[in-house]
Structure formats: C-alpha cells, structure tokens
C-alpha cells in the first residue's frame, strides 16, 4: 500500500508525541496548567529486555504473546457482554483492521529484526495515539463551530461526545 500516512507514521514516535504534548502545555497561557504535567519531561524508552538466545525461543515467545492477546480479547469480550452500554469505537472498522494488520506484521518481523520491530511498534503506537487525538480534535472543533454560529447543539450530540470521552478515558485507565 502506498498510504502517505504510513510514511509519516514511520518517522513518528511516542517520544515525539510526548514532546509535542509538553510544548502544547507550555503554550497554554489562558488555561489552568497542572504543574506536575508542566514539569514532566519525556522519558527515553526503557532498555529492551534481554534478547532470546534462539529463534525457537522467539517463536515460543510470539506464540505465548498471541495466546495472551487472545485470552485478553476473550476476557474483554466477556466484560463487554456484561456491560449494559457498549463503548463507542475509537476507529472505523477499516482503520481498526489496518492497525491490527500492521501489528501482526510487526510481530512477525520480530524474529528476523527485533530492534526494527520495536521501532516499528513505537511508530505504530504513536500513529494510533495521533489518530485518536485528531479524532477528538475534529469532534470538538465541530461542536465549537456550532456554538460559534449560535446554533444549539442537541443534548443527544453532547451525550454521545461525552460518552466517547468516557469510553476512551475508562479504557486508558484500565490498561
């Protein structure tokens, strides 16, 4: 695929996003800033765990990771079935499938290029975070434009927006 976002995403890292967040916090002068967040500096990635000694170890580790992921997905599905309200999806189906496929490709590449796989994983996480931020910013902008025109935003639209924020916030804190 020649998706221009992928080219940009490859150069983006979670450290870049953290630094951009810090710069944004510094520019805010008309809103209250949490001093703890304003002083926080982006931390370098933690040292990678010791590299497995054989390809067999890597394969076993990948299989265990896949089993853990499947178990976590099953547990999440069970919890979700018990919840009365289903969380709002963060991405569309195509975007979600694209992110999942990119993740599978990264995991598969770990065997041959572990360092590159970690770098690609970081870039993918950064791309997902960036896309989430863009999504929330677009939604907020649309609401603000309606308010600026003096148009009433329905309580239902506001409820759905708040529900999306709550769903994201709950997921973020449950990780």
C-alpha atoms as a PDB file:
ATOM      1  CA  UNK A   1       0.000   0.000   0.000  1.00  0.00           C
ATOM      2  CA  UNK A   2       1.167   3.492  -0.754  1.00  0.00           C
ATOM      3  CA  UNK A   3      -0.630   5.145   2.118  1.00  0.00           C
ATOM      4  CA  UNK A   4       1.021   8.537   2.803  1.00  0.00           C
ATOM      5  CA  UNK A   5       0.132   8.229   6.496  1.00  0.00           C
ATOM      6  CA  UNK A   6       2.414   5.217   6.808  1.00  0.00           C
ATOM      7  CA  UNK A   7       5.405   7.221   5.588  1.00  0.00           C
ATOM      8  CA  UNK A   8       4.683   9.929   8.145  1.00  0.00           C
ATOM      9  CA  UNK A   9       3.962   7.354  10.852  1.00  0.00           C
ATOM     10  CA  UNK A  10       7.334   5.674  10.323  1.00  0.00           C
ATOM     11  CA  UNK A  11       9.065   8.880  11.375  1.00  0.00           C
ATOM     12  CA  UNK A  12       6.753   9.487  14.324  1.00  0.00           C
ATOM     13  CA  UNK A  13       7.483   8.064  17.754  1.00  0.00           C
ATOM     14  CA  UNK A  14       5.809   8.096  21.119  1.00  0.00           C
ATOM     15  CA  UNK A  15       8.637  10.339  22.325  1.00  0.00           C
ATOM     16  CA  UNK A  16       7.686  12.848  19.591  1.00  0.00           C
ATOM     17  CA  UNK A  17       4.083  12.837  20.781  1.00  0.00           C
ATOM     18  CA  UNK A  18       5.118  13.275  24.392  1.00  0.00           C
ATOM     19  CA  UNK A  19       7.381  16.191  23.450  1.00  0.00           C
ATOM     20  CA  UNK A  20       4.595  17.783  21.391  1.00  0.00           C
ATOM     21  CA  UNK A  21       2.286  17.486  24.371  1.00  0.00           C
ATOM     22  CA  UNK A  22       4.848  19.216  26.542  1.00  0.00           C
ATOM     23  CA  UNK A  23       5.224  22.051  24.026  1.00  0.00           C
ATOM     24  CA  UNK A  24       1.450  22.440  23.884  1.00  0.00           C
ATOM     25  CA  UNK A  25       1.298  22.649  27.674  1.00  0.00           C
ATOM     26  CA  UNK A  26       3.941  25.367  27.669  1.00  0.00           C
ATOM     27  CA  UNK A  27       1.967  27.436  25.127  1.00  0.00           C
ATOM     28  CA  UNK A  28      -1.210  27.366  27.156  1.00  0.00           C
ATOM     29  CA  UNK A  29      -1.409  30.681  28.955  1.00  0.00           C
ATOM     30  CA  UNK A  30      -5.112  31.300  29.349  1.00  0.00           C
ATOM     31  CA  UNK A  31      -5.986  27.965  30.900  1.00  0.00           C
ATOM     32  CA  UNK A  32      -5.003  26.368  34.172  1.00  0.00           C
ATOM     33  CA  UNK A  33      -1.992  24.095  33.776  1.00  0.00           C
ATOM     34  CA  UNK A  34      -1.293  21.230  36.108  1.00  0.00           C
ATOM     35  CA  UNK A  35       2.200  21.962  37.483  1.00  0.00           C
ATOM     36  CA  UNK A  36       3.005  18.258  37.713  1.00  0.00           C
ATOM     37  CA  UNK A  37       2.334  17.818  33.986  1.00  0.00           C
ATOM     38  CA  UNK A  38       4.052  21.056  33.007  1.00  0.00           C
ATOM     39  CA  UNK A  39       7.304  19.924  34.627  1.00  0.00           C
ATOM     40  CA  UNK A  40       7.259  16.371  33.274  1.00  0.00           C
ATOM     41  CA  UNK A  41       9.893  15.642  30.638  1.00  0.00           C
ATOM     42  CA  UNK A  42       9.553  12.860  28.081  1.00  0.00           C
ATOM     43  CA  UNK A  43      11.343   9.773  29.259  1.00  0.00           C
ATOM     44  CA  UNK A  44      13.568   7.743  26.953  1.00  0.00           C
ATOM     45  CA  UNK A  45      12.285   4.283  26.132  1.00  0.00           C
ATOM     46  CA  UNK A  46      13.267   1.635  28.637  1.00  0.00           C
ATOM     47  CA  UNK A  47      16.085  -0.689  27.687  1.00  0.00           C
ATOM     48  CA  UNK A  48      14.860  -3.676  25.750  1.00  0.00           C
ATOM     49  CA  UNK A  49      14.637  -6.933  27.631  1.00  0.00           C
ATOM     50  CA  UNK A  50      17.396  -9.445  27.068  1.00  0.00           C
ATOM     51  CA  UNK A  51      17.205 -10.862  23.567  1.00  0.00           C
ATOM     52  CA  UNK A  52      16.146 -14.515  23.411  1.00  0.00           C
ATOM     53  CA  UNK A  53      19.017 -16.793  22.508  1.00  0.00           C
ATOM     54  CA  UNK A  54      17.403 -18.819  19.735  1.00  0.00           C
ATOM     55  CA  UNK A  55      14.760 -18.470  17.060  1.00  0.00           C
ATOM     56  CA  UNK A  56      12.841 -21.213  18.863  1.00  0.00           C
ATOM     57  CA  UNK A  57      12.701 -19.018  21.982  1.00  0.00           C
ATOM     58  CA  UNK A  58      11.427 -16.121  19.892  1.00  0.00           C
ATOM     59  CA  UNK A  59       8.784 -18.325  18.274  1.00  0.00           C
ATOM     60  CA  UNK A  60       7.625 -19.594  21.664  1.00  0.00           C
ATOM     61  CA  UNK A  61       7.528 -16.045  22.976  1.00  0.00           C
ATOM     62  CA  UNK A  62       5.465 -14.912  19.977  1.00  0.00           C
ATOM     63  CA  UNK A  63       3.079 -17.853  20.466  1.00  0.00           C
ATOM     64  CA  UNK A  64       2.707 -17.014  24.161  1.00  0.00           C
ATOM     65  CA  UNK A  65       2.097 -13.370  23.303  1.00  0.00           C
ATOM     66  CA  UNK A  66      -0.565 -14.364  20.786  1.00  0.00           C
ATOM     67  CA  UNK A  67      -2.228 -16.682  23.336  1.00  0.00           C
ATOM     68  CA  UNK A  68      -2.125 -13.910  25.947  1.00  0.00           C
ATOM     69  CA  UNK A  69      -3.640 -11.493  23.436  1.00  0.00           C
ATOM     70  CA  UNK A  70      -6.409 -13.957  22.593  1.00  0.00           C
ATOM     71  CA  UNK A  71      -7.118 -14.570  26.280  1.00  0.00           C
ATOM     72  CA  UNK A  72      -7.221 -10.831  26.938  1.00  0.00           C
ATOM     73  CA  UNK A  73      -9.573 -10.342  23.989  1.00  0.00           C
ATOM     74  CA  UNK A  74     -11.836 -13.114  25.265  1.00  0.00           C
ATOM     75  CA  UNK A  75     -11.862 -11.591  28.755  1.00  0.00           C
ATOM     76  CA  UNK A  76     -12.597  -8.148  27.303  1.00  0.00           C
ATOM     77  CA  UNK A  77     -15.439  -9.591  25.238  1.00  0.00           C
ATOM     78  CA  UNK A  78     -16.857 -11.258  28.343  1.00  0.00           C
ATOM     79  CA  UNK A  79     -16.650  -7.994  30.321  1.00  0.00           C
ATOM     80  CA  UNK A  80     -18.170  -6.078  27.431  1.00  0.00           C
ATOM     81  CA  UNK A  81     -21.074  -8.527  27.177  1.00  0.00           C
ATOM     82  CA  UNK A  82     -21.810  -7.929  30.864  1.00  0.00           C
ATOM     83  CA  UNK A  83     -21.780  -4.142  30.421  1.00  0.00           C
ATOM     84  CA  UNK A  84     -25.155  -2.529  29.755  1.00  0.00           C
ATOM     85  CA  UNK A  85     -23.700   0.088  27.377  1.00  0.00           C
ATOM     86  CA  UNK A  86     -21.228  -0.712  24.631  1.00  0.00           C
ATOM     87  CA  UNK A  87     -18.275   1.681  24.317  1.00  0.00           C
ATOM     88  CA  UNK A  88     -18.057   3.883  21.277  1.00  0.00           C
ATOM     89  CA  UNK A  89     -15.442   2.573  18.806  1.00  0.00           C
ATOM     90  CA  UNK A  90     -12.327   4.730  18.666  1.00  0.00           C
ATOM     91  CA  UNK A  91     -11.668   3.969  14.983  1.00  0.00           C
ATOM     92  CA  UNK A  92     -13.697   2.901  11.994  1.00  0.00           C
ATOM     93  CA  UNK A  93     -13.670  -0.758  11.008  1.00  0.00           C
ATOM     94  CA  UNK A  94     -11.188  -0.258   8.123  1.00  0.00           C
ATOM     95  CA  UNK A  95      -8.806   1.770  10.281  1.00  0.00           C
ATOM     96  CA  UNK A  96      -9.016  -0.792  13.082  1.00  0.00           C
ATOM     97  CA  UNK A  97      -8.298  -3.626  10.654  1.00  0.00           C
ATOM     98  CA  UNK A  98      -5.340  -1.669   9.226  1.00  0.00           C
ATOM     99  CA  UNK A  99      -3.862  -1.099  12.695  1.00  0.00           C
ATOM    100  CA  UNK A 100      -4.327  -4.779  13.592  1.00  0.00           C
ATOM    101  CA  UNK A 101      -2.691  -5.944  10.346  1.00  0.00           C
ATOM    102  CA  UNK A 102       0.238  -3.594  10.869  1.00  0.00           C
ATOM    103  CA  UNK A 103       0.645  -5.006  14.385  1.00  0.00           C
ATOM    104  CA  UNK A 104       0.648  -8.587  13.099  1.00  0.00           C
ATOM    105  CA  UNK A 105       3.312  -7.609  10.536  1.00  0.00           C
ATOM    106  CA  UNK A 106       5.448  -6.084  13.293  1.00  0.00           C
ATOM    107  CA  UNK A 107       5.185  -9.186  15.463  1.00  0.00           C
ATOM    108  CA  UNK A 108       6.050 -11.421  12.533  1.00  0.00           C
ATOM    109  CA  UNK A 109       9.112  -9.304  11.734  1.00  0.00           C
ATOM    110  CA  UNK A 110      10.426  -9.601  15.280  1.00  0.00           C
ATOM    111  CA  UNK A 111      12.057 -12.942  14.566  1.00  0.00           C
ATOM    112  CA  UNK A 112      14.336 -11.530  11.865  1.00  0.00           C
ATOM    113  CA  UNK A 113      14.718  -7.914  13.037  1.00  0.00           C
ATOM    114  CA  UNK A 114      13.859  -7.499  16.743  1.00  0.00           C
ATOM    115  CA  UNK A 115      15.198  -3.971  17.049  1.00  0.00           C
ATOM    116  CA  UNK A 116      13.378  -2.785  13.925  1.00  0.00           C
ATOM    117  CA  UNK A 117      10.188  -4.471  15.191  1.00  0.00           C
ATOM    118  CA  UNK A 118      10.361  -2.468  18.421  1.00  0.00           C
ATOM    119  CA  UNK A 119      10.956   0.751  16.474  1.00  0.00           C
ATOM    120  CA  UNK A 120       8.005  -0.035  14.206  1.00  0.00           C
ATOM    121  CA  UNK A 121       5.835  -0.872  17.228  1.00  0.00           C
ATOM    122  CA  UNK A 122       6.668   2.511  18.745  1.00  0.00           C
ATOM    123  CA  UNK A 123       5.796   4.249  15.466  1.00  0.00           C
ATOM    124  CA  UNK A 124       2.506   2.341  15.242  1.00  0.00           C
ATOM    125  CA  UNK A 125       1.523   3.269  18.795  1.00  0.00           C
ATOM    126  CA  UNK A 126       2.421   6.893  18.034  1.00  0.00           C
ATOM    127  CA  UNK A 127       0.274   6.774  14.876  1.00  0.00           C
ATOM    128  CA  UNK A 128      -2.696   5.363  16.795  1.00  0.00           C
ATOM    129  CA  UNK A 129      -2.357   7.998  19.519  1.00  0.00           C
ATOM    130  CA  UNK A 130      -2.040  10.728  16.898  1.00  0.00           C
ATOM    131  CA  UNK A 131      -5.133   9.457  15.081  1.00  0.00           C
ATOM    132  CA  UNK A 132      -7.107   9.365  18.337  1.00  0.00           C
ATOM    133  CA  UNK A 133      -6.078  12.930  19.147  1.00  0.00           C
ATOM    134  CA  UNK A 134      -7.091  14.037  15.641  1.00  0.00           C
ATOM    135  CA  UNK A 135     -10.465  12.338  16.019  1.00  0.00           C
ATOM    136  CA  UNK A 136     -11.207  14.046  19.331  1.00  0.00           C
ATOM    137  CA  UNK A 137      -9.976  17.399  17.983  1.00  0.00           C
ATOM    138  CA  UNK A 138     -12.238  17.123  14.918  1.00  0.00           C
ATOM    139  CA  UNK A 139     -15.251  16.307  17.054  1.00  0.00           C
ATOM    140  CA  UNK A 140     -14.552  19.171  19.438  1.00  0.00           C
ATOM    141  CA  UNK A 141     -13.996  21.565  16.529  1.00  0.00           C
ATOM    142  CA  UNK A 142     -17.343  20.629  15.003  1.00  0.00           C
ATOM    143  CA  UNK A 143     -19.107  21.317  18.300  1.00  0.00           C
ATOM    144  CA  UNK A 144     -17.271  24.622  18.760  1.00  0.00           C
ATOM    145  CA  UNK A 145     -18.218  25.716  15.232  1.00  0.00           C
ATOM    146  CA  UNK A 146     -21.864  25.060  16.006  1.00  0.00           C
ATOM    147  CA  UNK A 147     -21.582  27.078  19.219  1.00  0.00           C
ATOM    148  CA  UNK A 148     -19.779  29.928  17.402  1.00  0.00           C
ATOM    149  CA  UNK A 149     -22.638  30.166  14.888  1.00  0.00           C
ATOM    150  CA  UNK A 150     -25.041  30.376  17.805  1.00  0.00           C
ATOM    151  CA  UNK A 151     -26.547  27.046  16.861  1.00  0.00           C
ATOM    152  CA  UNK A 152     -27.815  24.824  19.598  1.00  0.00           C
ATOM    153  CA  UNK A 153     -26.085  21.501  19.890  1.00  0.00           C
ATOM    154  CA  UNK A 154     -28.542  18.832  20.875  1.00  0.00           C
ATOM    155  CA  UNK A 155     -28.199  17.206  24.241  1.00  0.00           C
ATOM    156  CA  UNK A 156     -28.001  13.878  22.402  1.00  0.00           C
ATOM    157  CA  UNK A 157     -24.957  15.047  20.395  1.00  0.00           C
ATOM    158  CA  UNK A 158     -23.300  16.219  23.592  1.00  0.00           C
ATOM    159  CA  UNK A 159     -24.186  12.962  25.347  1.00  0.00           C
ATOM    160  CA  UNK A 160     -22.587  10.967  22.533  1.00  0.00           C
ATOM    161  CA  UNK A 161     -19.457  13.138  22.627  1.00  0.00           C
ATOM    162  CA  UNK A 162     -19.164  12.742  26.390  1.00  0.00           C
ATOM    163  CA  UNK A 163     -19.772   9.012  26.062  1.00  0.00           C
ATOM    164  CA  UNK A 164     -16.873   8.778  23.606  1.00  0.00           C
ATOM    165  CA  UNK A 165     -14.589  10.649  26.005  1.00  0.00           C
ATOM    166  CA  UNK A 166     -15.704   8.466  28.910  1.00  0.00           C
ATOM    167  CA  UNK A 167     -15.176   5.265  26.924  1.00  0.00           C
ATOM    168  CA  UNK A 168     -11.674   6.326  25.956  1.00  0.00           C
ATOM    169  CA  UNK A 169     -10.834   7.512  29.461  1.00  0.00           C
ATOM    170  CA  UNK A 170     -12.096   4.273  31.040  1.00  0.00           C
ATOM    171  CA  UNK A 171     -10.063   2.191  28.593  1.00  0.00           C
ATOM    172  CA  UNK A 172      -7.000   4.325  29.154  1.00  0.00           C
ATOM    173  CA  UNK A 173      -7.140   3.858  32.917  1.00  0.00           C
ATOM    174  CA  UNK A 174      -7.899   0.141  32.728  1.00  0.00           C
ATOM    175  CA  UNK A 175      -4.741  -0.696  30.809  1.00  0.00           C
END
